[in-house]
N, C-alpha and C. Protein backbone atom coordinates (compact mmCIF):
# COMPACT_ATOMS: atom_id res chain seq x y z
N GLY A 1 -97.92 -16.68 105.61
CA GLY A 1 -98.95 -15.83 106.15
C GLY A 1 -100.07 -15.56 105.17
N ILE A 2 -99.73 -15.39 103.89
CA ILE A 2 -100.75 -15.06 102.89
C ILE A 2 -101.74 -16.21 102.74
N LEU A 3 -101.25 -17.45 102.72
CA LEU A 3 -102.15 -18.60 102.56
C LEU A 3 -102.98 -18.87 103.81
N ILE A 4 -102.48 -18.46 104.96
CA ILE A 4 -103.21 -18.69 106.21
C ILE A 4 -104.30 -17.64 106.38
N GLY A 5 -103.94 -16.38 106.19
CA GLY A 5 -104.91 -15.30 106.35
C GLY A 5 -105.15 -14.95 107.80
N ARG A 6 -105.98 -13.95 108.00
CA ARG A 6 -106.30 -13.51 109.36
C ARG A 6 -107.09 -14.59 110.08
N ARG A 7 -106.53 -15.05 111.21
CA ARG A 7 -107.15 -16.09 112.03
C ARG A 7 -107.50 -17.34 111.23
N GLY A 8 -106.71 -17.61 110.17
CA GLY A 8 -106.89 -18.83 109.39
C GLY A 8 -108.03 -18.80 108.39
N GLN A 9 -108.61 -17.62 108.16
CA GLN A 9 -109.78 -17.54 107.27
C GLN A 9 -109.45 -17.92 105.84
N THR A 10 -108.31 -17.47 105.32
CA THR A 10 -107.95 -17.80 103.95
C THR A 10 -107.74 -19.30 103.80
N LEU A 11 -107.08 -19.89 104.77
CA LEU A 11 -106.84 -21.34 104.76
C LEU A 11 -108.16 -22.11 104.80
N SER A 12 -109.09 -21.68 105.63
CA SER A 12 -110.40 -22.33 105.70
C SER A 12 -111.16 -22.22 104.39
N CYS A 13 -111.11 -21.05 103.77
CA CYS A 13 -111.80 -20.86 102.49
C CYS A 13 -111.17 -21.73 101.40
N LEU A 14 -109.85 -21.78 101.37
CA LEU A 14 -109.16 -22.62 100.40
C LEU A 14 -109.55 -24.08 100.58
N GLN A 15 -109.59 -24.54 101.82
CA GLN A 15 -109.98 -25.91 102.11
C GLN A 15 -111.41 -26.17 101.64
N TYR A 16 -112.31 -25.24 101.89
CA TYR A 16 -113.71 -25.38 101.48
C TYR A 16 -113.82 -25.49 99.96
N ILE A 17 -113.11 -24.63 99.24
CA ILE A 17 -113.16 -24.66 97.77
C ILE A 17 -112.62 -25.98 97.23
N VAL A 18 -111.51 -26.44 97.79
CA VAL A 18 -110.94 -27.72 97.34
C VAL A 18 -111.92 -28.86 97.62
N ARG A 19 -112.57 -28.84 98.79
CA ARG A 19 -113.57 -29.88 99.10
C ARG A 19 -114.70 -29.86 98.08
N LEU A 20 -115.18 -28.67 97.72
CA LEU A 20 -116.26 -28.57 96.73
C LEU A 20 -115.82 -29.14 95.38
N ILE A 21 -114.64 -28.78 94.94
CA ILE A 21 -114.15 -29.26 93.64
C ILE A 21 -113.98 -30.77 93.65
N VAL A 22 -113.34 -31.29 94.67
CA VAL A 22 -113.12 -32.74 94.76
C VAL A 22 -114.46 -33.46 94.91
N GLY A 23 -115.35 -32.92 95.72
CA GLY A 23 -116.67 -33.52 95.89
C GLY A 23 -117.46 -33.55 94.60
N HIS A 24 -117.34 -32.50 93.82
CA HIS A 24 -118.03 -32.45 92.53
C HIS A 24 -117.45 -33.48 91.57
N GLN A 25 -116.14 -33.61 91.57
CA GLN A 25 -115.48 -34.56 90.67
C GLN A 25 -115.75 -36.01 91.05
N THR A 26 -115.79 -36.30 92.35
CA THR A 26 -115.98 -37.68 92.81
C THR A 26 -117.43 -38.00 93.13
N GLU A 27 -118.28 -36.97 93.15
CA GLU A 27 -119.69 -37.11 93.52
C GLU A 27 -119.86 -37.72 94.91
N ALA A 28 -118.91 -37.41 95.78
CA ALA A 28 -118.96 -37.87 97.17
C ALA A 28 -118.25 -36.84 98.04
N TRP A 29 -118.64 -36.78 99.30
CA TRP A 29 -117.95 -35.89 100.22
C TRP A 29 -116.64 -36.55 100.61
N VAL A 30 -115.56 -35.83 100.44
CA VAL A 30 -114.23 -36.35 100.76
C VAL A 30 -113.62 -35.45 101.83
N PRO A 31 -113.24 -36.03 102.96
CA PRO A 31 -112.61 -35.19 104.00
C PRO A 31 -111.22 -34.75 103.56
N ILE A 32 -111.03 -33.46 103.42
CA ILE A 32 -109.74 -32.91 103.00
C ILE A 32 -109.34 -31.84 104.02
N ILE A 33 -108.11 -31.94 104.48
CA ILE A 33 -107.58 -30.93 105.39
C ILE A 33 -106.36 -30.31 104.74
N ILE A 34 -106.37 -29.01 104.63
CA ILE A 34 -105.24 -28.28 104.09
C ILE A 34 -104.61 -27.49 105.23
N ASP A 35 -103.30 -27.66 105.39
CA ASP A 35 -102.59 -26.97 106.46
C ASP A 35 -101.35 -26.31 105.87
N VAL A 36 -100.92 -25.23 106.46
CA VAL A 36 -99.71 -24.53 106.03
C VAL A 36 -98.82 -24.35 107.25
N GLU A 37 -97.62 -24.90 107.18
CA GLU A 37 -96.61 -24.77 108.24
C GLU A 37 -97.14 -25.14 109.62
N GLY A 38 -98.01 -26.14 109.70
CA GLY A 38 -98.52 -26.61 110.98
C GLY A 38 -99.45 -25.64 111.69
N TYR A 39 -100.03 -24.69 110.94
CA TYR A 39 -100.90 -23.68 111.55
C TYR A 39 -102.07 -24.32 112.30
N LYS A 40 -102.72 -25.29 111.68
CA LYS A 40 -103.93 -25.86 112.30
C LYS A 40 -103.60 -26.56 113.62
N GLN A 41 -102.49 -27.29 113.67
CA GLN A 41 -102.11 -27.96 114.91
C GLN A 41 -101.76 -26.92 115.99
N ARG A 42 -101.04 -25.88 115.63
CA ARG A 42 -100.71 -24.83 116.59
C ARG A 42 -101.97 -24.13 117.09
N ARG A 43 -102.90 -23.87 116.19
CA ARG A 43 -104.15 -23.20 116.57
C ARG A 43 -104.98 -24.10 117.48
N TYR A 44 -105.03 -25.40 117.16
CA TYR A 44 -105.75 -26.37 117.98
C TYR A 44 -105.21 -26.34 119.41
N GLU A 45 -103.89 -26.39 119.53
CA GLU A 45 -103.26 -26.39 120.85
C GLU A 45 -103.51 -25.07 121.58
N ALA A 46 -103.49 -23.95 120.86
CA ALA A 46 -103.75 -22.65 121.48
C ALA A 46 -105.18 -22.55 121.98
N VAL A 47 -106.14 -23.06 121.21
CA VAL A 47 -107.55 -23.01 121.62
C VAL A 47 -107.77 -23.93 122.83
N GLN A 48 -107.13 -25.10 122.84
CA GLN A 48 -107.22 -25.98 124.02
C GLN A 48 -106.67 -25.29 125.26
N ALA A 49 -105.51 -24.65 125.12
CA ALA A 49 -104.91 -23.95 126.25
C ALA A 49 -105.82 -22.83 126.75
N LEU A 50 -106.44 -22.10 125.82
CA LEU A 50 -107.39 -21.06 126.19
C LEU A 50 -108.55 -21.66 126.98
N ALA A 51 -109.08 -22.78 126.51
CA ALA A 51 -110.20 -23.43 127.20
C ALA A 51 -109.84 -23.78 128.64
N TRP A 52 -108.68 -24.38 128.83
CA TRP A 52 -108.26 -24.77 130.18
C TRP A 52 -108.03 -23.55 131.07
N ARG A 53 -107.41 -22.51 130.51
CA ARG A 53 -107.12 -21.31 131.28
C ARG A 53 -108.42 -20.62 131.74
N ILE A 54 -109.37 -20.48 130.83
CA ILE A 54 -110.64 -19.83 131.18
C ILE A 54 -111.45 -20.72 132.13
N ALA A 55 -111.39 -22.03 131.93
CA ALA A 55 -112.10 -22.95 132.84
C ALA A 55 -111.61 -22.77 134.27
N GLU A 56 -110.31 -22.59 134.44
CA GLU A 56 -109.77 -22.38 135.78
C GLU A 56 -110.25 -21.06 136.37
N GLN A 57 -110.33 -20.02 135.53
CA GLN A 57 -110.86 -18.72 136.00
C GLN A 57 -112.31 -18.86 136.44
N VAL A 58 -113.10 -19.57 135.65
CA VAL A 58 -114.52 -19.75 135.96
C VAL A 58 -114.67 -20.58 137.23
N LYS A 59 -113.87 -21.62 137.35
CA LYS A 59 -113.90 -22.47 138.55
C LYS A 59 -113.57 -21.65 139.80
N THR A 60 -112.54 -20.84 139.72
CA THR A 60 -112.10 -20.04 140.86
C THR A 60 -113.07 -18.90 141.18
N GLY A 61 -113.49 -18.19 140.15
CA GLY A 61 -114.33 -17.01 140.35
C GLY A 61 -115.82 -17.30 140.45
N GLY A 62 -116.25 -18.44 139.92
CA GLY A 62 -117.66 -18.80 139.98
C GLY A 62 -118.56 -18.05 139.03
N GLU A 63 -117.97 -17.25 138.12
CA GLU A 63 -118.75 -16.46 137.17
C GLU A 63 -118.56 -16.99 135.75
N PRO A 64 -119.63 -16.99 134.93
CA PRO A 64 -119.49 -17.41 133.53
C PRO A 64 -118.55 -16.49 132.76
N PHE A 65 -117.94 -17.02 131.71
CA PHE A 65 -117.05 -16.24 130.85
C PHE A 65 -117.45 -16.47 129.41
N THR A 66 -117.71 -15.38 128.68
CA THR A 66 -118.08 -15.48 127.27
C THR A 66 -116.86 -15.18 126.41
N LEU A 67 -116.50 -16.14 125.56
CA LEU A 67 -115.36 -15.97 124.67
C LEU A 67 -115.75 -15.13 123.47
N GLU A 68 -114.75 -14.61 122.77
CA GLU A 68 -114.98 -13.87 121.54
C GLU A 68 -115.62 -14.79 120.49
N PRO A 69 -116.33 -14.24 119.52
CA PRO A 69 -116.86 -15.08 118.43
C PRO A 69 -115.72 -15.84 117.75
N MET A 70 -115.98 -17.09 117.39
CA MET A 70 -114.97 -17.91 116.74
C MET A 70 -115.62 -18.88 115.77
N PRO A 71 -114.85 -19.42 114.83
CA PRO A 71 -115.40 -20.37 113.86
C PRO A 71 -115.91 -21.64 114.55
N ALA A 72 -116.78 -22.34 113.86
CA ALA A 72 -117.40 -23.55 114.41
C ALA A 72 -116.37 -24.58 114.87
N TYR A 73 -115.32 -24.80 114.07
CA TYR A 73 -114.35 -25.83 114.45
C TYR A 73 -113.59 -25.44 115.72
N GLU A 74 -113.40 -24.15 115.99
CA GLU A 74 -112.75 -23.73 117.23
C GLU A 74 -113.71 -23.85 118.41
N ARG A 75 -114.98 -23.53 118.19
CA ARG A 75 -115.98 -23.73 119.27
C ARG A 75 -116.04 -25.21 119.64
N ARG A 76 -115.98 -26.06 118.64
CA ARG A 76 -116.00 -27.51 118.88
C ARG A 76 -114.81 -27.94 119.72
N ILE A 77 -113.64 -27.38 119.46
CA ILE A 77 -112.45 -27.70 120.26
C ILE A 77 -112.70 -27.35 121.72
N ILE A 78 -113.28 -26.17 121.97
CA ILE A 78 -113.58 -25.74 123.35
C ILE A 78 -114.54 -26.73 124.01
N HIS A 79 -115.64 -27.05 123.32
CA HIS A 79 -116.63 -27.97 123.88
C HIS A 79 -116.02 -29.34 124.18
N LEU A 80 -115.27 -29.89 123.25
CA LEU A 80 -114.67 -31.22 123.44
C LEU A 80 -113.61 -31.21 124.53
N THR A 81 -112.82 -30.15 124.59
CA THR A 81 -111.76 -30.05 125.60
C THR A 81 -112.34 -30.04 127.01
N LEU A 82 -113.46 -29.36 127.18
CA LEU A 82 -114.03 -29.21 128.53
C LEU A 82 -115.21 -30.14 128.81
N ALA A 83 -115.51 -31.05 127.90
CA ALA A 83 -116.68 -31.93 128.05
C ALA A 83 -116.65 -32.74 129.35
N GLU A 84 -115.48 -33.19 129.76
CA GLU A 84 -115.38 -34.01 130.96
C GLU A 84 -114.86 -33.23 132.17
N HIS A 85 -114.77 -31.92 132.05
CA HIS A 85 -114.27 -31.10 133.16
C HIS A 85 -115.25 -31.21 134.33
N PRO A 86 -114.75 -31.47 135.53
CA PRO A 86 -115.66 -31.68 136.66
C PRO A 86 -116.35 -30.42 137.18
N ASP A 87 -115.81 -29.24 136.86
CA ASP A 87 -116.32 -28.03 137.50
C ASP A 87 -116.97 -27.02 136.57
N VAL A 88 -116.83 -27.19 135.25
CA VAL A 88 -117.42 -26.23 134.31
C VAL A 88 -118.14 -26.96 133.19
N THR A 89 -119.02 -26.21 132.53
CA THR A 89 -119.72 -26.71 131.35
C THR A 89 -119.66 -25.61 130.28
N THR A 90 -120.03 -25.96 129.06
CA THR A 90 -119.98 -24.98 127.98
C THR A 90 -121.30 -24.94 127.23
N GLN A 91 -121.55 -23.82 126.60
CA GLN A 91 -122.69 -23.71 125.69
C GLN A 91 -122.36 -22.65 124.65
N SER A 92 -122.96 -22.78 123.48
CA SER A 92 -122.79 -21.78 122.43
C SER A 92 -124.00 -20.87 122.41
N ILE A 93 -123.75 -19.58 122.16
CA ILE A 93 -124.83 -18.60 122.06
C ILE A 93 -124.61 -17.77 120.80
N GLY A 94 -125.66 -17.12 120.34
CA GLY A 94 -125.55 -16.24 119.18
C GLY A 94 -125.84 -16.96 117.88
N GLU A 95 -125.68 -16.22 116.80
CA GLU A 95 -125.99 -16.74 115.46
C GLU A 95 -124.85 -16.43 114.51
N GLY A 96 -124.66 -17.29 113.53
CA GLY A 96 -123.72 -17.06 112.44
C GLY A 96 -122.31 -16.77 112.91
N GLU A 97 -121.69 -15.75 112.31
CA GLU A 97 -120.31 -15.41 112.63
C GLU A 97 -120.16 -14.81 114.02
N ALA A 98 -121.26 -14.41 114.64
CA ALA A 98 -121.22 -13.84 115.99
C ALA A 98 -121.38 -14.91 117.07
N ARG A 99 -121.44 -16.18 116.70
CA ARG A 99 -121.63 -17.27 117.66
C ARG A 99 -120.43 -17.37 118.60
N GLN A 100 -120.72 -17.52 119.89
CA GLN A 100 -119.70 -17.52 120.93
C GLN A 100 -119.88 -18.72 121.86
N VAL A 101 -118.82 -19.07 122.56
CA VAL A 101 -118.88 -20.10 123.59
C VAL A 101 -118.90 -19.41 124.94
N VAL A 102 -119.78 -19.89 125.81
CA VAL A 102 -119.82 -19.43 127.20
C VAL A 102 -119.35 -20.60 128.05
N ILE A 103 -118.39 -20.34 128.93
CA ILE A 103 -117.93 -21.35 129.89
C ILE A 103 -118.56 -20.98 131.22
N LEU A 104 -119.31 -21.93 131.79
CA LEU A 104 -120.09 -21.68 133.00
C LEU A 104 -119.69 -22.64 134.11
N PRO A 105 -119.80 -22.20 135.37
CA PRO A 105 -119.57 -23.14 136.46
C PRO A 105 -120.71 -24.16 136.51
N LYS A 106 -120.37 -25.40 136.82
CA LYS A 106 -121.41 -26.42 136.98
C LYS A 106 -122.14 -26.17 138.28
N GLU A 107 -123.41 -26.49 138.27
CA GLU A 107 -124.20 -26.38 139.50
C GLU A 107 -123.76 -27.48 140.46
N GLN A 108 -123.52 -27.09 141.69
CA GLN A 108 -123.04 -28.07 142.68
C GLN A 108 -124.18 -28.67 143.44
């Protein structure tokens, strides 16, 4: 839990610092992923499930739904998960750490 942090923030910061150090040493950007006890895979699956669940609510109710602010990589999961959905579309709104995903019904 200590290495993961609240909503994975500590893990993300650790990954960022390691990328900076390795990038500085190699003078190239190196893709590095740091995970603890499968947290990232579990979080990925949870965000996908959230996307599908909210998409069904939007499809049924016909009203847009604004998700809580989330990190860029989680917003990306939402967008990619619903990119081919026949009944809803997504967009990001806001700035910085307050950036949110809105799931909207597609115009028929």
